[in-house]
Amino acid sequence: GVLADWNEVVGADYMSQTFEQSALDVGNIDGQQLGMPWSMASIT
């Protein structure tokens, strides 16, 4: 419970315009965007 919501820090518009939703979903918990994607792929 120590993390800030990036949607409040930089704005939800910036987050949605900058990143794909699939990447945002990884850092979203219960509607809060607690993680900003930085470098992401998959284990394949």
PDB file of all heavy atoms in Angstrom:
ATOM      1  N   GLY A   1       0.785  -1.231   0.000  1.00  0.00           N
ATOM      2  CA  GLY A   1       0.000   0.000   0.000  1.00  0.00           C
ATOM      3  C   GLY A   1       0.814   1.277   0.000  1.00  0.00           C
ATOM      4  O   GLY A   1       0.359   2.313   0.494  1.00  0.00           O
ATOM      5  N   VAL A   2       2.028   1.233  -0.564  1.00  0.00           N
ATOM      6  CA  VAL A   2       2.913   2.405  -0.525  1.00  0.00           C
ATOM      7  C   VAL A   2       3.021   3.124  -1.865  1.00  0.00           C
ATOM      8  O   VAL A   2       3.728   4.133  -1.975  1.00  0.00           O
ATOM      9  CB  VAL A   2       4.330   1.994  -0.056  1.00  0.00           C
ATOM     10  CG1 VAL A   2       4.278   1.449   1.358  1.00  0.00           C
ATOM     11  CG2 VAL A   2       4.953   0.964  -1.012  1.00  0.00           C
ATOM     12  N   LEU A   3       2.322   2.617  -2.893  1.00  0.00           N
ATOM     13  CA  LEU A   3       2.496   3.162  -4.232  1.00  0.00           C
ATOM     14  C   LEU A   3       1.424   4.192  -4.597  1.00  0.00           C
ATOM     15  O   LEU A   3       0.266   4.073  -4.203  1.00  0.00           O
ATOM     16  CB  LEU A   3       2.486   2.041  -5.266  1.00  0.00           C
ATOM     17  CG  LEU A   3       3.566   0.968  -5.107  1.00  0.00           C
ATOM     18  CD1 LEU A   3       3.457  -0.062  -6.219  1.00  0.00           C
ATOM     19  CD2 LEU A   3       4.962   1.599  -5.086  1.00  0.00           C
ATOM     20  N   ALA A   4       1.846   5.186  -5.368  1.00  0.00           N
ATOM     21  CA  ALA A   4       0.930   6.208  -5.871  1.00  0.00           C
ATOM     22  C   ALA A   4       0.320   5.738  -7.185  1.00  0.00           C
ATOM     23  O   ALA A   4       0.881   4.887  -7.879  1.00  0.00           O
ATOM     24  CB  ALA A   4       1.675   7.523  -6.084  1.00  0.00           C
ATOM     25  N   ASP A   5      -0.830   6.294  -7.528  1.00  0.00           N
ATOM     26  CA  ASP A   5      -1.532   5.962  -8.764  1.00  0.00           C
ATOM     27  C   ASP A   5      -1.009   6.884  -9.872  1.00  0.00           C
ATOM     28  O   ASP A   5      -1.148   8.103  -9.799  1.00  0.00           O
ATOM     29  CB  ASP A   5      -3.036   6.182  -8.561  1.00  0.00           C
ATOM     30  CG  ASP A   5      -3.873   5.709  -9.742  1.00  0.00           C
ATOM     31  OD1 ASP A   5      -3.313   5.547 -10.851  1.00  0.00           O
ATOM     32  OD2 ASP A   5      -5.086   5.520  -9.567  1.00  0.00           O
ATOM     33  N   TRP A   6      -0.410   6.293 -10.902  1.00  0.00           N
ATOM     34  CA  TRP A   6       0.145   7.104 -11.995  1.00  0.00           C
ATOM     35  C   TRP A   6      -0.949   7.910 -12.696  1.00  0.00           C
ATOM     36  O   TRP A   6      -0.669   8.974 -13.256  1.00  0.00           O
ATOM     37  CB  TRP A   6       0.857   6.215 -13.014  1.00  0.00           C
ATOM     38  CG  TRP A   6       2.238   5.783 -12.602  1.00  0.00           C
ATOM     39  CD1 TRP A   6       2.640   4.518 -12.287  1.00  0.00           C
ATOM     40  CD2 TRP A   6       3.402   6.607 -12.477  1.00  0.00           C
ATOM     41  NE1 TRP A   6       3.984   4.514 -11.968  1.00  0.00           N
ATOM     42  CE2 TRP A   6       4.476   5.774 -12.085  1.00  0.00           C
ATOM     43  CE3 TRP A   6       3.649   7.969 -12.667  1.00  0.00           C
ATOM     44  CZ2 TRP A   6       5.773   6.258 -11.864  1.00  0.00           C
ATOM     45  CZ3 TRP A   6       4.943   8.453 -12.449  1.00  0.00           C
ATOM     46  CH2 TRP A   6       5.980   7.615 -12.059  1.00  0.00           C
ATOM     47  N   ASN A   7      -2.175   7.418 -12.695  1.00  0.00           N
ATOM     48  CA  ASN A   7      -3.261   8.189 -13.315  1.00  0.00           C
ATOM     49  C   ASN A   7      -3.456   9.527 -12.619  1.00  0.00           C
ATOM     50  O   ASN A   7      -3.895  10.500 -13.242  1.00  0.00           O
ATOM     51  CB  ASN A   7      -4.572   7.392 -13.266  1.00  0.00           C
ATOM     52  CG  ASN A   7      -4.607   6.274 -14.294  1.00  0.00           C
ATOM     53  OD1 ASN A   7      -3.930   6.344 -15.320  1.00  0.00           O
ATOM     54  ND2 ASN A   7      -5.378   5.239 -14.020  1.00  0.00           N
ATOM     55  N   GLU A   8      -3.140   9.588 -11.341  1.00  0.00           N
ATOM     56  CA  GLU A   8      -3.234  10.838 -10.597  1.00  0.00           C
ATOM     57  C   GLU A   8      -1.955  11.666 -10.729  1.00  0.00           C
ATOM     58  O   GLU A   8      -1.997  12.892 -10.727  1.00  0.00           O
ATOM     59  CB  GLU A   8      -3.507  10.546  -9.116  1.00  0.00           C
ATOM     60  CG  GLU A   8      -4.845   9.851  -8.864  1.00  0.00           C
ATOM     61  CD  GLU A   8      -5.048   9.506  -7.397  1.00  0.00           C
ATOM     62  OE1 GLU A   8      -4.144   9.824  -6.583  1.00  0.00           O
ATOM     63  OE2 GLU A   8      -6.104   8.928  -7.063  1.00  0.00           O
ATOM     64  N   VAL A   9      -0.829  10.988 -10.851  1.00  0.00           N
ATOM     65  CA  VAL A   9       0.458  11.690 -10.909  1.00  0.00           C
ATOM     66  C   VAL A   9       0.694  12.338 -12.273  1.00  0.00           C
ATOM     67  O   VAL A   9       1.102  13.503 -12.360  1.00  0.00           O
ATOM     68  CB  VAL A   9       1.614  10.726 -10.573  1.00  0.00           C
ATOM     69  CG1 VAL A   9       2.962  11.438 -10.695  1.00  0.00           C
ATOM     70  CG2 VAL A   9       1.458  10.172  -9.162  1.00  0.00           C
ATOM     71  N   VAL A  10       0.447  11.595 -13.361  1.00  0.00           N
ATOM     72  CA  VAL A  10       0.701  12.141 -14.702  1.00  0.00           C
ATOM     73  C   VAL A  10      -0.571  12.320 -15.515  1.00  0.00           C
ATOM     74  O   VAL A  10      -0.539  12.919 -16.585  1.00  0.00           O
ATOM     75  CB  VAL A  10       1.688  11.251 -15.493  1.00  0.00           C
ATOM     76  CG1 VAL A  10       3.027  11.176 -14.801  1.00  0.00           C
ATOM     77  CG2 VAL A  10       1.109   9.848 -15.690  1.00  0.00           C
ATOM     78  N   GLY A  11      -1.684  11.769 -15.041  1.00  0.00           N
ATOM     79  CA  GLY A  11      -2.946  11.890 -15.766  1.00  0.00           C
ATOM     80  C   GLY A  11      -3.284  10.636 -16.547  1.00  0.00           C
ATOM     81  O   GLY A  11      -2.415  10.041 -17.191  1.00  0.00           O
ATOM     82  N   ALA A  12      -4.525  10.227 -16.477  1.00  0.00           N
ATOM     83  CA  ALA A  12      -4.974   9.018 -17.167  1.00  0.00           C
ATOM     84  C   ALA A  12      -4.842   9.158 -18.682  1.00  0.00           C
ATOM     85  O   ALA A  12      -4.567   8.180 -19.388  1.00  0.00           O
ATOM     86  CB  ALA A  12      -6.421   8.710 -16.797  1.00  0.00           C
ATOM     87  N   ASP A  13      -5.012  10.381 -19.200  1.00  0.00           N
ATOM     88  CA  ASP A  13      -4.905  10.594 -20.648  1.00  0.00           C
ATOM     89  C   ASP A  13      -3.488  10.300 -21.133  1.00  0.00           C
ATOM     90  O   ASP A  13      -3.297   9.668 -22.177  1.00  0.00           O
ATOM     91  CB  ASP A  13      -5.295  12.030 -21.011  1.00  0.00           C
ATOM     92  CG  ASP A  13      -6.789  12.262 -20.909  1.00  0.00           C
ATOM     93  OD1 ASP A  13      -7.538  11.269 -20.850  1.00  0.00           O
ATOM     94  OD2 ASP A  13      -7.204  13.432 -20.885  1.00  0.00           O
ATOM     95  N   TYR A  14      -2.489  10.774 -20.384  1.00  0.00           N
ATOM     96  CA  TYR A  14      -1.096  10.510 -20.766  1.00  0.00           C
ATOM     97  C   TYR A  14      -0.838   9.010 -20.801  1.00  0.00           C
ATOM     98  O   TYR A  14      -0.215   8.498 -21.747  1.00  0.00           O
ATOM     99  CB  TYR A  14      -0.129  11.176 -19.789  1.00  0.00           C
ATOM    100  CG  TYR A  14       1.313  10.745 -19.997  1.00  0.00           C
ATOM    101  CD1 TYR A  14       2.100  11.340 -20.974  1.00  0.00           C
ATOM    102  CD2 TYR A  14       1.872   9.713 -19.231  1.00  0.00           C
ATOM    103  CE1 TYR A  14       3.417  10.923 -21.180  1.00  0.00           C
ATOM    104  CE2 TYR A  14       3.169   9.292 -19.442  1.00  0.00           C
ATOM    105  CZ  TYR A  14       3.945   9.899 -20.408  1.00  0.00           C
ATOM    106  OH  TYR A  14       5.240   9.471 -20.619  1.00  0.00           O
ATOM    107  N   MET A  15      -1.314   8.300 -19.801  1.00  0.00           N
ATOM    108  CA  MET A  15      -1.063   6.862 -19.720  1.00  0.00           C
ATOM    109  C   MET A  15      -1.708   6.128 -20.892  1.00  0.00           C
ATOM    110  O   MET A  15      -1.070   5.291 -21.547  1.00  0.00           O
ATOM    111  CB  MET A  15      -1.586   6.313 -18.396  1.00  0.00           C
ATOM    112  CG  MET A  15      -0.895   6.884 -17.154  1.00  0.00           C
ATOM    113  SD  MET A  15       0.865   6.500 -17.061  1.00  0.00           S
ATOM    114  CE  MET A  15       0.815   4.750 -16.670  1.00  0.00           C
ATOM    115  N   SER A  16      -2.969   6.432 -21.186  1.00  0.00           N
ATOM    116  CA  SER A  16      -3.672   5.712 -22.254  1.00  0.00           C
ATOM    117  C   SER A  16      -3.148   6.081 -23.637  1.00  0.00           C
ATOM    118  O   SER A  16      -3.144   5.253 -24.548  1.00  0.00           O
ATOM    119  CB  SER A  16      -5.179   5.977 -22.166  1.00  0.00           C
ATOM    120  OG  SER A  16      -5.461   7.348 -22.352  1.00  0.00           O
ATOM    121  N   GLN A  17      -2.712   7.313 -23.800  1.00  0.00           N
ATOM    122  CA  GLN A  17      -2.191   7.754 -25.095  1.00  0.00           C
ATOM    123  C   GLN A  17      -0.780   7.231 -25.356  1.00  0.00           C
ATOM    124  O   GLN A  17      -0.374   7.050 -26.497  1.00  0.00           O
ATOM    125  CB  GLN A  17      -2.200   9.279 -25.173  1.00  0.00           C
ATOM    126  CG  GLN A  17      -3.596   9.879 -25.233  1.00  0.00           C
ATOM    127  CD  GLN A  17      -3.603  11.373 -25.011  1.00  0.00           C
ATOM    128  OE1 GLN A  17      -2.549  12.025 -24.975  1.00  0.00           O
ATOM    129  NE2 GLN A  17      -4.789  11.953 -24.857  1.00  0.00           N
ATOM    130  N   THR A  18      -0.044   6.977 -24.278  1.00  0.00           N
ATOM    131  CA  THR A  18       1.364   6.601 -24.409  1.00  0.00           C
ATOM    132  C   THR A  18       1.571   5.094 -24.510  1.00  0.00           C
ATOM    133  O   THR A  18       2.451   4.628 -25.238  1.00  0.00           O
ATOM    134  CB  THR A  18       2.172   7.148 -23.210  1.00  0.00           C
ATOM    135  OG1 THR A  18       1.955   8.563 -23.105  1.00  0.00           O
ATOM    136  CG2 THR A  18       3.657   6.880 -23.392  1.00  0.00           C
ATOM    137  N   PHE A  19       0.756   4.308 -23.798  1.00  0.00           N
ATOM    138  CA  PHE A  19       0.989   2.870 -23.692  1.00  0.00           C
ATOM    139  C   PHE A  19      -0.206   2.058 -24.189  1.00  0.00           C
ATOM    140  O   PHE A  19      -1.346   2.503 -24.101  1.00  0.00           O
ATOM    141  CB  PHE A  19       1.278   2.494 -22.233  1.00  0.00           C
ATOM    142  CG  PHE A  19       2.387   3.282 -21.605  1.00  0.00           C
ATOM    143  CD1 PHE A  19       2.101   4.336 -20.738  1.00  0.00           C
ATOM    144  CD2 PHE A  19       3.709   2.999 -21.877  1.00  0.00           C
ATOM    145  CE1 PHE A  19       3.112   5.079 -20.148  1.00  0.00           C
ATOM    146  CE2 PHE A  19       4.733   3.730 -21.291  1.00  0.00           C
ATOM    147  CZ  PHE A  19       4.434   4.773 -20.432  1.00  0.00           C
ATOM    148  N   GLU A  20       0.088   0.857 -24.675  1.00  0.00           N
ATOM    149  CA  GLU A  20      -0.972  -0.069 -25.053  1.00  0.00           C
ATOM    150  C   GLU A  20      -1.702  -0.545 -23.796  1.00  0.00           C
ATOM    151  O   GLU A  20      -1.100  -0.676 -22.724  1.00  0.00           O
ATOM    152  CB  GLU A  20      -0.397  -1.281 -25.793  1.00  0.00           C
ATOM    153  CG  GLU A  20       0.270  -0.965 -27.125  1.00  0.00           C
ATOM    154  CD  GLU A  20      -0.735  -0.589 -28.210  1.00  0.00           C
ATOM    155  OE1 GLU A  20      -1.948  -0.669 -27.952  1.00  0.00           O
ATOM    156  OE2 GLU A  20      -0.286  -0.228 -29.303  1.00  0.00           O
ATOM    157  N   GLN A  21      -2.989  -0.843 -23.936  1.00  0.00           N
ATOM    158  CA  GLN A  21      -3.772  -1.265 -22.782  1.00  0.00           C
ATOM    159  C   GLN A  21      -3.241  -2.567 -22.181  1.00  0.00           C
ATOM    160  O   GLN A  21      -3.254  -2.752 -20.963  1.00  0.00           O
ATOM    161  CB  GLN A  21      -5.243  -1.439 -23.187  1.00  0.00           C
ATOM    162  CG  GLN A  21      -6.175  -1.701 -22.021  1.00  0.00           C
ATOM    163  CD  GLN A  21      -6.161  -0.586 -20.993  1.00  0.00           C
ATOM    164  OE1 GLN A  21      -6.234   0.583 -21.340  1.00  0.00           O
ATOM    165  NE2 GLN A  21      -6.048  -0.950 -19.716  1.00  0.00           N
ATOM    166  N   SER A  22      -2.734  -3.466 -23.030  1.00  0.00           N
ATOM    167  CA  SER A  22      -2.211  -4.741 -22.525  1.00  0.00           C
ATOM    168  C   SER A  22      -1.029  -4.519 -21.595  1.00  0.00           C
ATOM    169  O   SER A  22      -0.858  -5.253 -20.608  1.00  0.00           O
ATOM    170  CB  SER A  22      -1.797  -5.647 -23.687  1.00  0.00           C
ATOM    171  OG  SER A  22      -0.805  -5.020 -24.485  1.00  0.00           O
ATOM    172  N   ALA A  23      -0.223  -3.503 -21.903  1.00  0.00           N
ATOM    173  CA  ALA A  23       0.919  -3.189 -21.031  1.00  0.00           C
ATOM    174  C   ALA A  23       0.448  -2.508 -19.755  1.00  0.00           C
ATOM    175  O   ALA A  23       0.968  -2.772 -18.668  1.00  0.00           O
ATOM    176  CB  ALA A  23       1.909  -2.290 -21.771  1.00  0.00           C
ATOM    177  N   LEU A  24      -0.550  -1.644 -19.859  1.00  0.00           N
ATOM    178  CA  LEU A  24      -1.088  -0.970 -18.676  1.00  0.00           C
ATOM    179  C   LEU A  24      -1.724  -1.967 -17.715  1.00  0.00           C
ATOM    180  O   LEU A  24      -1.623  -1.828 -16.495  1.00  0.00           O
ATOM    181  CB  LEU A  24      -2.120   0.080 -19.083  1.00  0.00           C
ATOM    182  CG  LEU A  24      -1.594   1.333 -19.793  1.00  0.00           C
ATOM    183  CD1 LEU A  24      -2.753   2.189 -20.274  1.00  0.00           C
ATOM    184  CD2 LEU A  24      -0.695   2.137 -18.862  1.00  0.00           C
ATOM    185  N   ASP A  25      -2.370  -2.976 -18.255  1.00  0.00           N
ATOM    186  CA  ASP A  25      -3.061  -3.959 -17.424  1.00  0.00           C
ATOM    187  C   ASP A  25      -2.113  -4.652 -16.447  1.00  0.00           C
ATOM    188  O   ASP A  25      -2.518  -5.035 -15.341  1.00  0.00           O
ATOM    189  CB  ASP A  25      -3.743  -5.013 -18.291  1.00  0.00           C
ATOM    190  CG  ASP A  25      -4.968  -4.464 -19.018  1.00  0.00           C
ATOM    191  OD1 ASP A  25      -5.455  -3.382 -18.626  1.00  0.00           O
ATOM    192  OD2 ASP A  25      -5.407  -5.098 -19.988  1.00  0.00           O
ATOM    193  N   VAL A  26      -0.862  -4.811 -16.844  1.00  0.00           N
ATOM    194  CA  VAL A  26       0.107  -5.491 -15.993  1.00  0.00           C
ATOM    195  C   VAL A  26       0.324  -4.721 -14.692  1.00  0.00           C
ATOM    196  O   VAL A  26       0.521  -5.312 -13.629  1.00  0.00           O
ATOM    197  CB  VAL A  26       1.452  -5.672 -16.730  1.00  0.00           C
ATOM    198  CG1 VAL A  26       2.483  -6.342 -15.833  1.00  0.00           C
ATOM    199  CG2 VAL A  26       1.248  -6.501 -17.994  1.00  0.00           C
ATOM    200  N   GLY A  27       0.264  -3.400 -14.759  1.00  0.00           N
ATOM    201  CA  GLY A  27       0.507  -2.579 -13.577  1.00  0.00           C
ATOM    202  C   GLY A  27      -0.739  -2.014 -12.947  1.00  0.00           C
ATOM    203  O   GLY A  27      -0.667  -1.091 -12.127  1.00  0.00           O
ATOM    204  N   ASN A  28      -1.898  -2.550 -13.321  1.00  0.00           N
ATOM    205  CA  ASN A  28      -3.164  -2.031 -12.793  1.00  0.00           C
ATOM    206  C   ASN A  28      -3.752  -3.005 -11.778  1.00  0.00           C
ATOM    207  O   ASN A  28      -3.954  -4.179 -12.074  1.00  0.00           O
ATOM    208  CB  ASN A  28      -4.163  -1.809 -13.934  1.00  0.00           C
ATOM    209  CG  ASN A  28      -5.364  -1.000 -13.499  1.00  0.00           C
ATOM    210  OD1 ASN A  28      -6.164  -1.451 -12.696  1.00  0.00           O
ATOM    211  ND2 ASN A  28      -5.487   0.204 -14.029  1.00  0.00           N
ATOM    212  N   ILE A  29      -4.000  -2.505 -10.578  1.00  0.00           N
ATOM    213  CA  ILE A  29      -4.593  -3.323  -9.523  1.00  0.00           C
ATOM    214  C   ILE A  29      -5.846  -2.620  -9.001  1.00  0.00           C
ATOM    215  O   ILE A  29      -5.774  -1.499  -8.508  1.00  0.00           O
ATOM    216  CB  ILE A  29      -3.608  -3.559  -8.365  1.00  0.00           C
ATOM    217  CG1 ILE A  29      -2.383  -4.349  -8.847  1.00  0.00           C
ATOM    218  CG2 ILE A  29      -4.292  -4.309  -7.223  1.00  0.00           C
ATOM    219  CD1 ILE A  29      -1.361  -4.628  -7.780  1.00  0.00           C
ATOM    220  N   ASP A  30      -6.967  -3.272  -9.159  1.00  0.00           N
ATOM    221  CA  ASP A  30      -8.253  -2.742  -8.682  1.00  0.00           C
ATOM    222  C   ASP A  30      -8.509  -1.318  -9.187  1.00  0.00           C
ATOM    223  O   ASP A  30      -8.982  -0.452  -8.451  1.00  0.00           O
ATOM    224  CB  ASP A  30      -8.305  -2.760  -7.150  1.00  0.00           C
ATOM    225  CG  ASP A  30      -8.233  -4.175  -6.591  1.00  0.00           C
ATOM    226  OD1 ASP A  30      -8.699  -5.099  -7.281  1.00  0.00           O
ATOM    227  OD2 ASP A  30      -7.710  -4.347  -5.476  1.00  0.00           O
ATOM    228  N   GLY A  31      -8.179  -1.081 -10.457  1.00  0.00           N
ATOM    229  CA  GLY A  31      -8.452   0.212 -11.061  1.00  0.00           C
ATOM    230  C   GLY A  31      -7.391   1.261 -10.832  1.00  0.00           C
ATOM    231  O   GLY A  31      -7.464   2.356 -11.405  1.00  0.00           O
ATOM    232  N   GLN A  32      -6.404   0.968 -10.026  1.00  0.00           N
ATOM    233  CA  GLN A  32      -5.317   1.917  -9.796  1.00  0.00           C
ATOM    234  C   GLN A  32      -4.113   1.549 -10.658  1.00  0.00           C
ATOM    235  O   GLN A  32      -3.669   0.398 -10.652  1.00  0.00           O
ATOM    236  CB  GLN A  32      -4.909   1.929  -8.326  1.00  0.00           C
ATOM    237  CG  GLN A  32      -5.935   2.539  -7.389  1.00  0.00           C
ATOM    238  CD  GLN A  32      -5.378   2.676  -5.985  1.00  0.00           C
ATOM    239  OE1 GLN A  32      -4.909   1.710  -5.389  1.00  0.00           O
ATOM    240  NE2 GLN A  32      -5.423   3.877  -5.447  1.00  0.00           N
ATOM    241  N   GLN A  33      -3.579   2.534 -11.379  1.00  0.00           N
ATOM    242  CA  GLN A  33      -2.429   2.300 -12.241  1.00  0.00           C
ATOM    243  C   GLN A  33      -1.157   2.490 -11.417  1.00  0.00           C
ATOM    244  O   GLN A  33      -0.516   3.531 -11.436  1.00  0.00           O
ATOM    245  CB  GLN A  33      -2.451   3.257 -13.442  1.00  0.00           C
ATOM    246  CG  GLN A  33      -1.501   2.855 -14.559  1.00  0.00           C
ATOM    247  CD  GLN A  33      -1.889   1.523 -15.177  1.00  0.00           C
ATOM    248  OE1 GLN A  33      -3.028   1.305 -15.541  1.00  0.00           O
ATOM    249  NE2 GLN A  33      -0.934   0.620 -15.283  1.00  0.00           N
ATOM    250  N   LEU A  34      -0.782   1.446 -10.686  1.00  0.00           N
ATOM    251  CA  LEU A  34       0.338   1.540  -9.758  1.00  0.00           C
ATOM    252  C   LEU A  34       1.685   1.322 -10.434  1.00  0.00           C
ATOM    253  O   LEU A  34       2.724   1.652  -9.861  1.00  0.00           O
ATOM    254  CB  LEU A  34       0.158   0.533  -8.622  1.00  0.00           C
ATOM    255  CG  LEU A  34      -1.147   0.680  -7.813  1.00  0.00           C
ATOM    256  CD1 LEU A  34      -1.204  -0.364  -6.713  1.00  0.00           C
ATOM    257  CD2 LEU A  34      -1.276   2.082  -7.241  1.00  0.00           C
ATOM    258  N   GLY A  35       1.673   0.767 -11.637  1.00  0.00           N
ATOM    259  CA  GLY A  35       2.914   0.558 -12.362  1.00  0.00           C
ATOM    260  C   GLY A  35       2.857   1.204 -13.728  1.00  0.00           C
ATOM    261  O   GLY A  35       1.870   1.084 -14.434  1.00  0.00           O
ATOM    262  N   MET A  36       3.922   1.932 -14.085  1.00  0.00           N
ATOM    263  CA  MET A  36       4.038   2.499 -15.433  1.00  0.00           C
ATOM    264  C   MET A  36       4.917   1.569 -16.264  1.00  0.00           C
ATOM    265  O   MET A  36       6.048   1.261 -15.867  1.00  0.00           O
ATOM    266  CB  MET A  36       4.682   3.888 -15.399  1.00  0.00           C
ATOM    267  CG  MET A  36       4.907   4.476 -16.797  1.00  0.00           C
ATOM    268  SD  MET A  36       5.791   6.065 -16.812  1.00  0.00           S
ATOM    269  CE  MET A  36       4.543   7.159 -16.154  1.00  0.00           C
ATOM    270  N   PRO A  37       4.442   1.080 -17.405  1.00  0.00           N
ATOM    271  CA  PRO A  37       5.263   0.198 -18.240  1.00  0.00           C
ATOM    272  C   PRO A  37       6.577   0.883 -18.614  1.00  0.00           C
ATOM    273  O   PRO A  37       6.597   2.082 -18.921  1.00  0.00           O
ATOM    274  CB  PRO A  37       4.386  -0.020 -19.480  1.00  0.00           C
ATOM    275  CG  PRO A  37       2.990   0.271 -19.025  1.00  0.00           C
ATOM    276  CD  PRO A  37       3.117   1.355 -18.008  1.00  0.00           C
ATOM    277  N   TRP A  38       7.645   0.119 -18.569  1.00  0.00           N
ATOM    278  CA  TRP A  38       8.946   0.678 -18.955  1.00  0.00           C
ATOM    279  C   TRP A  38       9.563  -0.144 -20.086  1.00  0.00           C
ATOM    280  O   TRP A  38       9.927   0.376 -21.120  1.00  0.00           O
ATOM    281  CB  TRP A  38       9.878   0.718 -17.738  1.00  0.00           C
ATOM    282  CG  TRP A  38      11.186   1.401 -18.016  1.00  0.00           C
ATOM    283  CD1 TRP A  38      11.482   2.244 -19.056  1.00  0.00           C
ATOM    284  CD2 TRP A  38      12.380   1.319 -17.245  1.00  0.00           C
ATOM    285  NE1 TRP A  38      12.770   2.682 -18.980  1.00  0.00           N
ATOM    286  CE2 TRP A  38      13.357   2.134 -17.869  1.00  0.00           C
ATOM    287  CE3 TRP A  38      12.716   0.641 -16.078  1.00  0.00           C
ATOM    288  CZ2 TRP A  38      14.639   2.284 -17.364  1.00  0.00           C
ATOM    289  CZ3 TRP A  38      14.011   0.795 -15.573  1.00  0.00           C
ATOM    290  CH2 TRP A  38      14.960   1.608 -16.209  1.00  0.00           C
ATOM    291  N   SER A  39       9.688  -1.432 -19.866  1.00  0.00           N
ATOM    292  CA  SER A  39      10.184  -2.314 -20.918  1.00  0.00           C
ATOM    293  C   SER A  39       9.471  -3.636 -20.740  1.00  0.00           C
ATOM    294  O   SER A  39       9.566  -4.248 -19.685  1.00  0.00           O
ATOM    295  CB  SER A  39      11.697  -2.503 -20.805  1.00  0.00           C
ATOM    296  OG  SER A  39      12.187  -3.221 -21.908  1.00  0.00           O
ATOM    297  N   MET A  40       8.747  -4.055 -21.756  1.00  0.00           N
ATOM    298  CA  MET A  40       7.867  -5.202 -21.558  1.00  0.00           C
ATOM    299  C   MET A  40       7.806  -6.084 -22.808  1.00  0.00           C
ATOM    300  O   MET A  40       7.765  -5.578 -23.921  1.00  0.00           O
ATOM    301  CB  MET A  40       6.472  -4.706 -21.197  1.00  0.00           C
ATOM    302  CG  MET A  40       5.638  -5.661 -20.405  1.00  0.00           C
ATOM    303  SD  MET A  40       4.271  -4.782 -19.610  1.00  0.00           S
ATOM    304  CE  MET A  40       5.141  -3.960 -18.260  1.00  0.00           C
ATOM    305  N   ALA A  41       7.837  -7.350 -22.594  1.00  0.00           N
ATOM    306  CA  ALA A  41       7.668  -8.315 -23.680  1.00  0.00           C
ATOM    307  C   ALA A  41       6.995  -9.529 -23.066  1.00  0.00           C
ATOM    308  O   ALA A  41       6.205  -9.412 -22.161  1.00  0.00           O
ATOM    309  CB  ALA A  41       9.018  -8.661 -24.301  1.00  0.00           C
ATOM    310  N   SER A  42       7.344 -10.705 -23.508  1.00  0.00           N
ATOM    311  CA  SER A  42       6.769 -11.897 -22.885  1.00  0.00           C
ATOM    312  C   SER A  42       7.849 -12.955 -22.767  1.00  0.00           C
ATOM    313  O   SER A  42       8.885 -12.887 -23.423  1.00  0.00           O
ATOM    314  CB  SER A  42       5.604 -12.446 -23.715  1.00  0.00           C
ATOM    315  OG  SER A  42       6.082 -12.993 -24.934  1.00  0.00           O
ATOM    316  N   ILE A  43       7.597 -13.913 -21.900  1.00  0.00           N
ATOM    317  CA  ILE A  43       8.444 -15.106 -21.867  1.00  0.00           C
ATOM    318  C   ILE A  43       7.826 -16.072 -22.862  1.00  0.00           C
ATOM    319  O   ILE A  43       6.677 -16.491 -22.705  1.00  0.00           O
ATOM    320  CB  ILE A  43       8.482 -15.724 -20.458  1.00  0.00           C
ATOM    321  CG1 ILE A  43       9.177 -14.767 -19.491  1.00  0.00           C
ATOM    322  CG2 ILE A  43       9.198 -17.078 -20.487  1.00  0.00           C
ATOM    323  CD1 ILE A  43       9.241 -15.276 -18.061  1.00  0.00           C
ATOM    324  N   THR A  44       8.571 -16.363 -23.888  1.00  0.00           N
ATOM    325  CA  THR A  44       8.062 -17.244 -24.933  1.00  0.00           C
ATOM    326  C   THR A  44       9.127 -18.275 -25.269  1.00  0.00           C
ATOM    327  O   THR A  44      10.089 -18.456 -24.513  1.00  0.00           O
ATOM    328  CB  THR A  44       7.657 -16.433 -26.170  1.00  0.00           C
ATOM    329  OG1 THR A  44       6.976 -17.289 -27.099  1.00  0.00           O
ATOM    330  CG2 THR A  44       8.848 -15.795 -26.863  1.00  0.00           C
TER     331      THR A  44
END
